[in-house]
Each structure stands twice: as C-alpha cells, then as structure tokens.
N, C-alpha and C. Protein backbone atom coordinates (compact mmCIF):
# COMPACT_ATOMS: atom_id res chain seq x y z
N MET A 1 -99.16 -20.11 32.45
CA MET A 1 -100.46 -19.84 31.89
C MET A 1 -100.84 -20.97 30.95
N PRO A 2 -101.98 -21.62 31.16
CA PRO A 2 -102.41 -22.71 30.29
C PRO A 2 -102.65 -22.21 28.87
N THR A 3 -102.24 -23.05 27.90
CA THR A 3 -102.42 -22.70 26.50
C THR A 3 -103.29 -23.69 25.76
N GLY A 4 -103.75 -24.71 26.41
CA GLY A 4 -104.56 -25.71 25.73
C GLY A 4 -105.24 -26.64 26.70
N PRO A 5 -106.05 -27.55 26.19
CA PRO A 5 -106.83 -28.43 27.05
C PRO A 5 -106.02 -29.46 27.82
N HIS A 6 -104.76 -29.66 27.44
CA HIS A 6 -103.94 -30.69 28.08
C HIS A 6 -102.94 -30.10 29.05
N ASP A 7 -103.16 -28.88 29.53
CA ASP A 7 -102.23 -28.22 30.43
C ASP A 7 -102.55 -28.43 31.90
N ALA A 8 -103.44 -29.35 32.21
CA ALA A 8 -103.81 -29.58 33.59
C ALA A 8 -102.61 -30.01 34.43
N ASP A 9 -101.65 -30.71 33.82
CA ASP A 9 -100.47 -31.16 34.53
C ASP A 9 -99.29 -30.24 34.25
N ASP A 10 -99.54 -28.93 34.22
CA ASP A 10 -98.52 -27.94 33.91
C ASP A 10 -97.32 -28.09 34.83
N HIS A 11 -96.12 -28.05 34.27
CA HIS A 11 -94.88 -28.16 35.04
C HIS A 11 -94.67 -26.86 35.80
N THR A 12 -94.58 -26.93 37.10
CA THR A 12 -94.50 -25.73 37.94
C THR A 12 -93.09 -25.40 38.38
N GLY A 13 -92.10 -26.05 37.83
CA GLY A 13 -90.73 -25.79 38.22
C GLY A 13 -90.26 -26.68 39.35
N GLU A 14 -91.18 -27.44 39.93
CA GLU A 14 -90.79 -28.37 40.98
C GLU A 14 -90.12 -29.58 40.36
N GLU A 15 -89.21 -30.20 41.11
CA GLU A 15 -88.53 -31.38 40.59
C GLU A 15 -89.52 -32.53 40.46
N ARG A 16 -89.44 -33.23 39.33
CA ARG A 16 -90.30 -34.39 39.11
C ARG A 16 -89.82 -35.54 39.97
N PRO A 17 -90.72 -36.48 40.29
CA PRO A 17 -90.34 -37.61 41.13
C PRO A 17 -89.17 -38.42 40.56
N ASP A 18 -89.07 -38.52 39.23
CA ASP A 18 -87.98 -39.30 38.64
C ASP A 18 -86.71 -38.47 38.48
N GLY A 19 -86.76 -37.16 38.81
CA GLY A 19 -85.57 -36.31 38.77
C GLY A 19 -85.22 -35.79 37.38
N ARG A 20 -86.00 -36.15 36.36
CA ARG A 20 -85.69 -35.73 34.99
C ARG A 20 -86.48 -34.48 34.62
N GLU A 21 -85.88 -33.66 33.78
CA GLU A 21 -86.57 -32.50 33.24
C GLU A 21 -87.48 -32.97 32.11
N PRO A 22 -88.62 -32.32 31.91
CA PRO A 22 -89.48 -32.70 30.80
C PRO A 22 -88.85 -32.34 29.47
N ARG A 23 -89.11 -33.13 28.46
CA ARG A 23 -88.62 -32.88 27.10
C ARG A 23 -89.53 -31.82 26.49
N ARG A 24 -88.96 -30.78 25.88
CA ARG A 24 -89.77 -29.73 25.26
C ARG A 24 -90.00 -30.05 23.79
N ILE A 25 -91.27 -30.02 23.37
CA ILE A 25 -91.66 -30.24 21.98
C ILE A 25 -92.46 -29.03 21.53
N THR A 26 -92.06 -28.45 20.40
CA THR A 26 -92.75 -27.29 19.86
C THR A 26 -93.43 -27.69 18.57
N VAL A 27 -94.73 -27.42 18.48
CA VAL A 27 -95.50 -27.73 17.29
C VAL A 27 -95.43 -26.53 16.35
N VAL A 28 -94.97 -26.75 15.12
CA VAL A 28 -94.87 -25.69 14.11
C VAL A 28 -96.05 -25.85 13.17
N ARG A 29 -96.86 -24.81 13.06
CA ARG A 29 -98.03 -24.88 12.19
C ARG A 29 -97.61 -25.18 10.75
N ASP A 30 -98.23 -26.17 10.14
CA ASP A 30 -97.90 -26.61 8.78
C ASP A 30 -96.43 -27.00 8.65
N GLY A 31 -95.83 -27.47 9.72
CA GLY A 31 -94.43 -27.85 9.69
C GLY A 31 -94.14 -29.02 10.61
N PRO A 32 -92.90 -29.16 11.02
CA PRO A 32 -92.48 -30.30 11.84
C PRO A 32 -92.74 -30.09 13.32
N LEU A 33 -92.47 -31.12 14.09
CA LEU A 33 -92.38 -31.01 15.54
C LEU A 33 -90.92 -30.75 15.86
N LEU A 34 -90.64 -29.73 16.63
CA LEU A 34 -89.26 -29.45 17.05
C LEU A 34 -89.08 -30.03 18.44
N VAL A 35 -88.13 -30.93 18.58
CA VAL A 35 -87.92 -31.65 19.83
C VAL A 35 -86.51 -31.37 20.34
N GLU A 36 -86.42 -30.96 21.61
CA GLU A 36 -85.11 -30.77 22.21
C GLU A 36 -84.48 -32.15 22.37
N GLY A 37 -83.28 -32.31 21.83
CA GLY A 37 -82.62 -33.61 21.79
C GLY A 37 -81.75 -33.85 22.99
N PRO A 38 -81.05 -34.94 23.00
CA PRO A 38 -81.05 -36.00 21.99
C PRO A 38 -82.36 -36.78 22.02
N VAL A 39 -82.66 -37.43 20.89
CA VAL A 39 -83.92 -38.18 20.79
C VAL A 39 -83.69 -39.53 20.13
N GLU A 40 -84.62 -40.41 20.39
CA GLU A 40 -84.69 -41.70 19.72
C GLU A 40 -86.14 -41.86 19.28
N VAL A 41 -86.37 -42.06 17.98
CA VAL A 41 -87.72 -42.19 17.42
C VAL A 41 -87.94 -43.63 17.03
N VAL A 42 -89.02 -44.21 17.53
CA VAL A 42 -89.38 -45.58 17.16
C VAL A 42 -90.37 -45.49 16.00
N LEU A 43 -90.00 -46.08 14.87
CA LEU A 43 -90.81 -46.03 13.65
C LEU A 43 -91.85 -47.14 13.65
N PRO A 44 -92.89 -47.03 12.79
CA PRO A 44 -93.96 -48.03 12.76
C PRO A 44 -93.49 -49.47 12.56
N ASP A 45 -92.36 -49.65 11.84
CA ASP A 45 -91.86 -51.01 11.62
C ASP A 45 -90.99 -51.53 12.77
N GLY A 46 -90.87 -50.73 13.83
CA GLY A 46 -90.11 -51.15 15.01
C GLY A 46 -88.65 -50.71 15.01
N THR A 47 -88.14 -50.21 13.89
CA THR A 47 -86.77 -49.71 13.86
C THR A 47 -86.70 -48.37 14.58
N THR A 48 -85.49 -47.98 14.94
CA THR A 48 -85.31 -46.71 15.63
C THR A 48 -84.37 -45.80 14.85
N ALA A 49 -84.60 -44.52 14.98
CA ALA A 49 -83.73 -43.49 14.41
C ALA A 49 -83.30 -42.62 15.58
N SER A 50 -82.02 -42.34 15.69
CA SER A 50 -81.49 -41.56 16.81
C SER A 50 -80.77 -40.32 16.33
N SER A 51 -80.81 -39.29 17.18
CA SER A 51 -80.08 -38.07 16.90
C SER A 51 -79.55 -37.50 18.21
N ASP A 52 -78.30 -37.06 18.20
CA ASP A 52 -77.68 -36.45 19.38
C ASP A 52 -77.71 -34.93 19.31
N ARG A 53 -78.37 -34.37 18.29
CA ARG A 53 -78.44 -32.91 18.14
C ARG A 53 -79.22 -32.29 19.29
N PHE A 54 -78.98 -31.01 19.56
CA PHE A 54 -79.68 -30.33 20.65
C PHE A 54 -81.13 -30.00 20.28
N LEU A 55 -81.44 -29.95 18.98
CA LEU A 55 -82.81 -29.71 18.51
C LEU A 55 -83.00 -30.47 17.21
N VAL A 56 -84.06 -31.26 17.14
CA VAL A 56 -84.35 -32.01 15.92
C VAL A 56 -85.75 -31.67 15.43
N ALA A 57 -85.94 -31.75 14.11
CA ALA A 57 -87.24 -31.51 13.50
C ALA A 57 -87.80 -32.85 13.03
N ILE A 58 -88.92 -33.24 13.60
CA ILE A 58 -89.57 -34.49 13.26
C ILE A 58 -90.64 -34.20 12.21
N CYS A 59 -90.58 -34.90 11.08
CA CYS A 59 -91.53 -34.70 9.98
C CYS A 59 -92.92 -35.15 10.40
N THR A 60 -93.93 -34.32 10.10
CA THR A 60 -95.31 -34.70 10.36
C THR A 60 -96.12 -34.85 9.07
N CYS A 61 -95.54 -34.45 7.93
CA CYS A 61 -96.28 -34.54 6.66
C CYS A 61 -95.97 -35.83 5.90
N ARG A 62 -94.94 -36.54 6.32
CA ARG A 62 -94.49 -37.80 5.70
C ARG A 62 -93.98 -37.64 4.27
N ARG A 63 -93.64 -36.41 3.86
CA ARG A 63 -93.08 -36.18 2.52
C ARG A 63 -91.55 -36.17 2.53
N SER A 64 -90.96 -36.15 3.68
CA SER A 64 -89.52 -36.03 3.80
C SER A 64 -88.79 -37.25 3.24
N ARG A 65 -87.75 -36.99 2.48
CA ARG A 65 -86.90 -38.09 1.98
C ARG A 65 -85.97 -38.60 3.07
N ALA A 66 -85.88 -37.85 4.17
CA ALA A 66 -85.04 -38.23 5.30
C ALA A 66 -85.89 -38.66 6.50
N TYR A 67 -87.13 -39.09 6.23
CA TYR A 67 -88.07 -39.45 7.30
C TYR A 67 -87.42 -40.37 8.31
N PRO A 68 -87.56 -40.15 9.62
CA PRO A 68 -88.51 -39.29 10.30
C PRO A 68 -88.05 -37.84 10.47
N TRP A 69 -86.87 -37.51 9.98
CA TRP A 69 -86.35 -36.14 10.12
C TRP A 69 -86.94 -35.25 9.02
N CYS A 70 -87.25 -34.03 9.35
CA CYS A 70 -87.82 -33.08 8.40
C CYS A 70 -86.74 -32.58 7.45
N ASP A 71 -87.06 -32.53 6.15
CA ASP A 71 -86.14 -31.94 5.17
C ASP A 71 -86.79 -30.75 4.46
N THR A 72 -87.81 -30.18 5.08
CA THR A 72 -88.59 -29.03 4.61
C THR A 72 -89.46 -29.34 3.38
N SER A 73 -89.73 -30.60 3.10
CA SER A 73 -90.60 -30.96 1.98
C SER A 73 -92.00 -30.39 2.16
N HIS A 74 -92.42 -30.14 3.39
CA HIS A 74 -93.75 -29.58 3.64
C HIS A 74 -93.91 -28.20 3.00
N ARG A 75 -92.83 -27.51 2.74
CA ARG A 75 -92.90 -26.17 2.13
C ARG A 75 -93.34 -26.24 0.68
N ARG A 76 -93.12 -27.36 0.02
CA ARG A 76 -93.48 -27.51 -1.40
C ARG A 76 -94.90 -28.01 -1.59
N ARG A 77 -95.61 -28.25 -0.52
CA ARG A 77 -96.97 -28.78 -0.58
C ARG A 77 -97.93 -27.73 -1.16
N ALA A 78 -98.77 -28.14 -2.09
CA ALA A 78 -99.79 -27.25 -2.65
C ALA A 78 -100.87 -27.03 -1.61
N ARG A 79 -101.29 -25.79 -1.44
CA ARG A 79 -102.32 -25.47 -0.45
C ARG A 79 -103.66 -25.32 -1.06
C-alpha cells in the first residue's frame, strides 16, 4: 500500500536486477533516520563514517556530539 508520493517504484518482492535487497530506512518524527546496517555515511567534507551494527540512527538535527550518529540530543531541543 503506497504511503507517500514517492512510492511509485514500490518493491513488490521480486528480485531486483542487481540481486540486492533494498536498504530499509525509517523516518522518526522529530528524531533520527533509522537505517538497517551495515552502513557507510559520506560526510560533507568527504570523510566517511562506518558502522557494522544491524540498525543505526543517523542524526538529522545536527546537535549530536557523535555526528553523524544520533546521541538523542534532539530530545533536549526546545519546542
């Protein structure tokens, strides 16, 4: 069932041409992006941060002291 405007290419369970499963990313309202790992994040300065964890939280508020990884700093944000 489509949930947004970008679901036109919805994964139907068929094997992709490259044989890889799609990476699942979950958007948390007022929080991080949860990405099924392992992941490699390319930062604006060209450096990379890697994680072999099965699930990683990517900071979207840029307040994290462990950026690009979320450290829950978004919870302290004044609303």
